Amino acid sequence: MSEKAYCVGAHVYSAPMIEPALYLVATPIGNLADITLRALQVLAGADIVTCEDTRVTRVLLEYYGIQKKTFLYHEYNAQKAGPKLLKALADNQSVALVSDAGTPLISDPGFKLVGEARKAGYKIIPIPGASALLTSLVVTGLPTDSFFFAGFLSAKKTQRQKRLETLKSIPATLVFYESPHRLVESLQDMVAIFTADRPAAICRELTKKFETVNVDNLGHLLEIYSKKDRIRGEIVVLVGEEEISTEIMSSQEVDEILRELTSEYPAAKAAVLAAKKTGLKKQELFRRLTLLKGM
C-alpha cells in the first residue's frame, strides 16, 4: 500500500495532496473509531507526523493502515525538536502535530511550536475532533454556558491548595484533568476549599469500554473514590459554580443576625460570620454593627 494512503475497514483510500503547513490534528480520546475522515487524510498525506509518544501514535496509524514514520516532540525535547520541525516547514513540507489523545495543545507542549510557527509566518491549519474537555463537559449536565479549564493541578499540596483558592469563586464550571493516583488527594483539597456540597462530576475512561461518569457533590464523590482500592484511567474532574444565595434579607433580619452574633463573638469575628450567612461584605456589616452599638 502507498505511504500516502489509509484504510477504513476493508477499503483503501489514497490521501489527497495537502499544502505545506503545520496541521493540528485531533485524535481519538479512547475509542479509535472517533476520528474524522479529514484527520485520516492529513495523517496519511503529511510529510511528517509529530507526536508525544511514538508508541501511542503508532497504534492509531496502524489501525488505519497508515505507513508513516513519526517524529517525537514533547516538553522534554521541545528545544531540540522544535527547530527541526520549523526547518521542515521552511522546506515547504507538511507537518501533522498530534497529542497522545484528543485535541493538540490542550495541556500539552505543542503551543510552543505553534507560537514559533506563527511568529515565523508559516500557515497553521486546525483539524478539529475529539476533546476530553468538551466531551466531559456535555455529558455531566453541569452548566456549559460558561466554563474554565484549569488543566492539571500541582502534585504539591501547598501549590495545589493555593491554586484552588484562586479558582474558588470563578463564576463558571471548573474543569480539571487529574491522574488516578492523585485523585483522592485533590478531592480532599477541593472539599476543604470549595465545600463538600458543591456540585461536581468525575469522568473516567471516556469513550472506552469501562467509561464511568459520576455526578454528585464533592463530599460524596470523595467518599466513593476513597473506598476504591485502585483507580485507573484518564480522569476529568468538573466542579459546578459556587452557589450564591439570591435571597434578599431585610435590614431588620440582618440587624437581628448581627445582634445574635455579637452576643457571642467580638465585633470583627461577628462581621465575618454574618458575611457568610448573609452574602454581604464584612466591611459593610462591621460598619452596620458599629452603628447598632451606638444606638
Protein backbone atom coordinates (compact mmCIF):
# COMPACT_ATOMS: atom_id res chain seq x y z
CA MET A 1 0.00 0.00 0.00
CA SER A 2 1.17 3.54 -0.77
CA GLU A 3 2.75 5.58 2.01
CA LYS A 4 0.11 8.26 1.41
CA ALA A 5 -2.93 6.03 1.85
CA TYR A 6 -5.23 4.90 4.65
CA CYS A 7 -7.75 2.13 5.30
CA VAL A 8 -11.26 2.24 6.71
CA GLY A 9 -12.38 -1.34 7.21
CA ALA A 10 -11.52 -3.28 4.05
CA HIS A 11 -11.40 -0.16 1.88
CA VAL A 12 -8.15 1.58 0.92
CA TYR A 13 -8.14 5.27 0.06
CA SER A 14 -5.42 7.47 -1.39
CA ALA A 15 -4.81 10.63 0.58
CA PRO A 16 -5.26 13.86 -1.39
CA MET A 17 -2.34 16.23 -1.80
CA ILE A 18 -2.15 18.63 1.12
CA GLU A 19 -0.47 22.02 1.13
CA PRO A 20 2.69 22.74 3.16
CA ALA A 21 1.55 23.81 6.63
CA LEU A 22 1.50 22.85 10.29
CA TYR A 23 -1.66 20.79 10.86
CA LEU A 24 -3.08 20.43 14.38
CA VAL A 25 -4.84 17.08 14.20
CA ALA A 26 -7.31 15.93 16.85
CA THR A 27 -7.18 12.18 17.52
CA PRO A 28 -9.49 9.83 19.50
CA ILE A 29 -9.52 10.08 23.31
CA GLY A 30 -10.12 6.35 23.65
CA ASN A 31 -12.31 4.74 21.01
CA LEU A 32 -10.25 4.60 17.81
CA ALA A 33 -13.38 4.98 15.69
CA ASP A 34 -13.78 8.55 16.93
CA ILE A 35 -11.67 10.16 14.20
CA THR A 36 -12.66 12.32 11.24
CA LEU A 37 -12.05 11.46 7.59
CA ARG A 38 -10.19 14.73 7.24
CA ALA A 39 -7.83 13.75 10.06
CA LEU A 40 -7.07 10.45 8.30
CA GLN A 41 -6.40 12.27 5.04
CA VAL A 42 -3.95 14.64 6.74
CA LEU A 43 -2.17 11.93 8.73
CA ALA A 44 -1.74 9.83 5.57
CA GLY A 45 -0.84 12.78 3.35
CA ALA A 46 1.54 14.69 5.62
CA ASP A 47 5.29 14.52 5.10
CA ILE A 48 5.87 14.33 8.86
CA VAL A 49 3.68 13.17 11.76
CA THR A 50 4.99 14.52 15.06
CA CYS A 51 3.71 13.18 18.37
CA GLU A 52 4.25 12.97 22.14
CA ASP A 53 4.77 9.20 22.28
CA THR A 54 5.55 7.23 19.12
CA ARG A 55 4.17 4.02 20.66
CA VAL A 56 0.75 5.55 21.28
CA THR A 57 0.50 7.21 17.87
CA ARG A 58 1.75 4.05 16.16
CA VAL A 59 -1.32 2.16 17.44
CA LEU A 60 -3.63 4.70 15.76
CA LEU A 61 -1.69 4.79 12.49
CA GLU A 62 -1.53 1.01 12.22
CA TYR A 63 -5.25 0.70 12.97
CA TYR A 64 -5.95 2.77 9.85
CA GLY A 65 -3.17 1.26 7.75
CA ILE A 66 -1.12 4.46 7.62
CA GLN A 67 2.53 3.72 6.93
CA LYS A 68 4.31 6.73 8.27
CA LYS A 69 7.45 7.44 10.26
CA THR A 70 6.79 9.51 13.36
CA PHE A 71 8.85 12.31 14.88
CA LEU A 72 8.97 12.79 18.65
CA TYR A 73 8.04 16.18 20.11
CA HIS A 74 7.30 16.64 23.84
CA GLU A 75 8.11 19.04 26.68
CA TYR A 76 11.48 17.40 27.39
CA ASN A 77 12.88 17.62 23.84
CA ALA A 78 10.98 20.69 22.58
CA GLN A 79 14.09 22.90 22.47
CA LYS A 80 15.89 20.47 20.14
CA ALA A 81 12.93 19.09 18.20
CA GLY A 82 11.17 22.41 17.63
CA PRO A 83 13.82 23.93 15.31
CA LYS A 84 13.87 20.73 13.21
CA LEU A 85 10.12 20.95 12.65
CA LEU A 86 10.36 24.65 11.80
CA LYS A 87 13.09 23.74 9.29
CA ALA A 88 10.72 21.20 7.70
CA LEU A 89 8.09 23.93 7.35
CA ALA A 90 10.71 26.22 5.83
CA ASP A 91 11.42 23.48 3.28
CA ASN A 92 7.73 23.50 2.26
CA GLN A 93 6.89 20.23 3.97
CA SER A 94 3.57 19.40 5.63
CA VAL A 95 3.75 18.61 9.35
CA ALA A 96 0.88 16.95 11.26
CA LEU A 97 1.02 17.53 15.03
CA VAL A 98 -0.92 15.13 17.27
CA SER A 99 -1.11 14.55 21.01
CA ASP A 100 -1.47 11.14 22.65
CA ALA A 101 -5.23 11.66 22.73
CA GLY A 102 -7.68 14.40 21.86
CA THR A 103 -7.01 17.87 20.55
CA PRO A 104 -3.36 19.03 20.49
CA LEU A 105 -2.24 21.93 22.72
CA ILE A 106 -4.79 21.16 25.46
CA SER A 107 -2.47 20.50 28.42
CA ASP A 108 0.45 19.57 26.16
CA PRO A 109 3.57 21.47 24.98
CA GLY A 110 2.51 21.92 21.36
CA PHE A 111 1.53 25.55 21.96
CA LYS A 112 5.23 26.49 21.95
CA LEU A 113 5.70 25.08 18.45
CA VAL A 114 2.52 26.74 17.19
CA GLY A 115 3.62 30.08 18.64
CA GLU A 116 7.03 29.85 16.96
CA ALA A 117 5.50 28.72 13.64
CA ARG A 118 3.01 31.59 13.65
CA LYS A 119 5.75 34.08 14.51
CA ALA A 120 7.79 32.77 11.57
CA GLY A 121 4.81 33.22 9.23
CA TYR A 122 4.03 29.57 8.47
CA LYS A 123 0.46 28.51 7.78
CA ILE A 124 -1.32 26.69 10.64
CA ILE A 125 -4.43 24.60 9.94
CA PRO A 126 -6.63 23.09 12.69
CA ILE A 127 -8.23 19.68 12.06
CA PRO A 128 -10.92 19.55 14.79
CA GLY A 129 -12.18 16.45 16.52
CA ALA A 130 -12.33 14.70 19.89
CA SER A 131 -11.62 16.53 23.15
CA ALA A 132 -11.86 15.09 26.67
CA LEU A 133 -12.55 18.60 27.95
CA LEU A 134 -15.69 19.15 25.87
CA THR A 135 -16.86 15.53 25.99
CA SER A 136 -16.84 15.52 29.79
CA LEU A 137 -18.50 18.91 29.97
CA VAL A 138 -21.51 17.98 27.84
CA VAL A 139 -22.13 14.55 29.38
CA THR A 140 -22.39 15.63 33.04
CA GLY A 141 -25.31 18.03 32.94
CA LEU A 142 -23.33 20.77 34.69
CA PRO A 143 -23.75 24.28 33.22
CA THR A 144 -21.97 24.67 29.88
CA ASP A 145 -22.72 28.31 29.14
CA SER A 146 -19.55 29.35 30.96
CA PHE A 147 -16.63 27.11 31.93
CA PHE A 148 -12.99 27.48 32.98
CA PHE A 149 -10.37 24.88 32.04
CA ALA A 150 -7.73 24.69 34.77
CA GLY A 151 -5.67 21.80 33.34
CA PHE A 152 -3.68 19.68 35.79
CA LEU A 153 -3.32 20.75 39.41
CA SER A 154 0.10 20.70 41.04
CA ALA A 155 1.35 17.47 42.59
CA LYS A 156 2.50 19.54 45.58
CA LYS A 157 -0.23 20.01 48.20
CA THR A 158 0.56 23.63 49.11
CA GLN A 159 0.66 24.79 45.49
CA ARG A 160 -2.47 22.80 44.69
CA GLN A 161 -4.39 24.41 47.56
CA LYS A 162 -3.25 27.91 46.58
CA ARG A 163 -4.42 27.28 43.02
CA LEU A 164 -7.81 26.06 44.22
CA GLU A 165 -8.21 29.17 46.37
CA THR A 166 -7.74 31.36 43.29
CA LEU A 167 -10.34 29.32 41.38
CA LYS A 168 -12.89 29.09 44.19
CA SER A 169 -15.13 31.99 43.21
CA ILE A 170 -14.85 31.91 39.42
CA PRO A 171 -18.46 32.11 38.15
CA ALA A 172 -18.22 29.09 35.85
CA THR A 173 -17.99 25.30 35.75
CA LEU A 174 -14.38 24.36 36.54
CA VAL A 175 -12.73 21.56 34.55
CA PHE A 176 -9.56 19.76 35.66
CA TYR A 177 -7.50 16.90 34.27
CA GLU A 178 -6.22 14.60 37.01
CA SER A 179 -4.07 11.49 37.35
CA PRO A 180 -5.58 8.40 39.03
CA HIS A 181 -3.03 8.22 41.85
CA ARG A 182 -3.62 11.85 42.86
CA LEU A 183 -7.42 11.99 42.51
CA VAL A 184 -8.32 11.42 46.17
CA GLU A 185 -5.80 14.00 47.42
CA SER A 186 -7.17 16.59 45.01
CA LEU A 187 -10.76 15.81 46.03
CA GLN A 188 -9.82 16.23 49.69
CA ASP A 189 -8.43 19.69 48.95
CA MET A 190 -11.48 20.59 46.87
CA VAL A 191 -13.83 19.61 49.71
CA ALA A 192 -11.80 21.69 52.16
CA ILE A 193 -11.69 24.76 49.91
CA PHE A 194 -14.87 24.54 47.79
CA THR A 195 -17.06 22.83 50.49
CA ALA A 196 -18.47 19.30 50.35
CA ASP A 197 -21.87 20.39 48.99
CA ARG A 198 -20.58 21.91 45.78
CA PRO A 199 -21.92 20.04 42.70
CA ALA A 200 -19.28 18.07 40.82
CA ALA A 201 -18.61 15.19 38.45
CA ILE A 202 -15.84 12.72 37.72
CA CYS A 203 -15.48 11.28 34.22
CA ARG A 204 -13.15 8.32 33.77
CA GLU A 205 -12.07 6.41 30.66
CA LEU A 206 -14.38 8.40 28.37
CA THR A 207 -15.36 6.57 25.13
CA LYS A 208 -13.63 3.39 26.34
CA LYS A 209 -15.08 0.05 27.47
CA PHE A 210 -15.07 0.95 31.18
CA GLU A 211 -16.30 4.53 30.82
CA THR A 212 -17.80 5.91 34.04
CA VAL A 213 -19.47 9.25 34.76
CA ASN A 214 -20.28 10.04 38.41
CA VAL A 215 -22.30 13.21 39.07
CA ASP A 216 -22.85 14.16 42.72
CA ASN A 217 -21.38 16.66 45.17
CA LEU A 218 -17.71 16.84 46.12
CA GLY A 219 -18.24 15.23 49.52
CA HIS A 220 -19.99 12.15 48.15
CA LEU A 221 -17.51 11.79 45.30
CA LEU A 222 -14.66 11.84 47.81
CA GLU A 223 -16.40 9.08 49.79
CA ILE A 224 -16.87 6.96 46.65
CA TYR A 225 -13.30 7.22 45.40
CA SER A 226 -11.67 6.96 48.84
CA LYS A 227 -13.10 3.44 49.12
CA LYS A 228 -11.66 2.22 45.81
CA ASP A 229 -8.56 0.03 46.10
CA ARG A 230 -7.15 1.16 42.79
CA ILE A 231 -8.19 3.94 40.45
CA ARG A 232 -7.22 3.67 36.80
CA GLY A 233 -7.62 5.54 33.56
CA GLU A 234 -7.77 9.08 32.25
CA ILE A 235 -9.77 11.32 34.57
CA VAL A 236 -11.60 14.63 34.22
CA VAL A 237 -12.94 16.38 37.33
CA LEU A 238 -15.65 19.02 36.95
CA VAL A 239 -16.85 21.35 39.70
CA GLY A 240 -20.05 23.37 39.41
CA GLU A 241 -20.21 27.08 40.06
CA GLU A 242 -20.24 28.28 43.66
CA GLU A 243 -23.82 28.77 44.76
CA ILE A 244 -24.54 32.30 45.94
CA SER A 245 -27.73 32.91 47.85
CA THR A 246 -30.16 35.09 45.95
CA GLU A 247 -32.43 35.55 48.96
CA ILE A 248 -32.69 39.23 49.85
CA MET A 249 -32.73 39.85 53.60
CA SER A 250 -34.43 42.83 55.10
CA SER A 251 -32.31 45.26 57.10
CA GLN A 252 -34.16 44.11 60.23
CA GLU A 253 -33.15 40.48 59.58
CA VAL A 254 -29.53 41.50 59.06
CA ASP A 255 -29.57 43.52 62.28
CA GLU A 256 -31.01 40.57 64.19
CA ILE A 257 -28.23 38.28 62.93
CA LEU A 258 -25.63 40.85 63.96
CA ARG A 259 -27.11 41.18 67.46
CA GLU A 260 -27.13 37.42 67.95
CA LEU A 261 -23.52 37.05 66.84
CA THR A 262 -22.19 39.99 68.88
CA SER A 263 -23.63 38.42 72.00
CA GLU A 264 -21.17 35.54 71.50
CA TYR A 265 -18.25 36.94 69.47
CA PRO A 266 -16.10 40.08 69.19
CA ALA A 267 -17.29 42.58 66.57
CA ALA A 268 -14.71 41.66 63.90
CA LYS A 269 -15.47 37.93 64.19
CA ALA A 270 -19.21 38.61 64.22
CA ALA A 271 -18.91 40.59 60.97
CA VAL A 272 -17.05 37.72 59.27
CA LEU A 273 -19.66 35.15 60.36
CA ALA A 274 -22.52 37.45 59.36
CA ALA A 275 -20.97 37.87 55.91
CA LYS A 276 -21.09 34.11 55.40
CA LYS A 277 -24.74 33.99 56.46
CA THR A 278 -26.00 36.98 54.52
CA GLY A 279 -23.71 37.17 51.49
CA LEU A 280 -22.98 40.82 52.32
CA LYS A 281 -19.46 42.25 52.58
CA LYS A 282 -17.88 42.01 56.03
CA GLN A 283 -16.70 45.65 55.88
CA GLU A 284 -20.28 46.80 55.32
CA LEU A 285 -21.52 44.61 58.17
CA PHE A 286 -18.82 45.86 60.52
CA ARG A 287 -19.89 49.46 59.85
CA ARG A 288 -23.51 48.48 60.43
CA LEU A 289 -22.52 46.78 63.66
CA THR A 290 -20.77 49.94 64.84
CA LEU A 291 -23.93 51.94 64.17
CA LEU A 292 -26.05 49.41 66.06
CA LYS A 293 -23.81 49.67 69.10
CA GLY A 294 -24.16 53.44 69.05
CA MET A 295 -27.97 53.30 69.11
